[in-house]
């Protein structure tokens, strides 16, 4: 897969402790901070604008899934008969967990899974903001704002200086986000993200 996922903070907190080469790549991003490949923000770990641009380019030219130089950095078992496989499978994001090369029932199946993906994306973004607010309330309501429709990335509303409000390591921050989110019941998740999105998926499924 040539998709570089945007992994929200609470999933990063679990993924970095998975003992696979792919997970260790993510841990390396976290420990070193933002690099030429990955942005490491309070929201999680995501590809840089340059990498995202390459993804858009190969997608428009039919190169998706074909260019080995753009293989997902978290891939494992590369070059084996079984691989490549996902090195953070249990903690993959909404796009990775809902993407299929071929859909059952064609366009109808694709419409359903796109709706589920959008629901999961909304949940990821909302819970990411929520976890930040729980751990760093001093950032204030003006900084902790949801992104507008024009902002493509969930971390676009935060500056790199926001890390100065956290006294521990970045890895510890992500683990703390995971602990906060894992303690939520589904009812509490719904109260954070809103219920309309889930109802929309039910309508699509029907």
Foldseek 3Di string as FASTA:
>chain_A
DLDADFAFLLLLLVLCPQPDQLSVVQVVCQQVADDQAWHQDLGGITGDPVSVVVVVVCVVVVNVPPDPVRPHSQFPPPPHPPDRDGNSVVSGALCVVLDDPAAVVGPLRVVLSVLSSVVRVLLSLLLSLVLCCVVQVVVDDVLSDADDPVDPDRCPSHDRCVCVSDDDGSSVSSNSSNVVVVPDDVVRSCVRRPDVSVVVSVVSVD
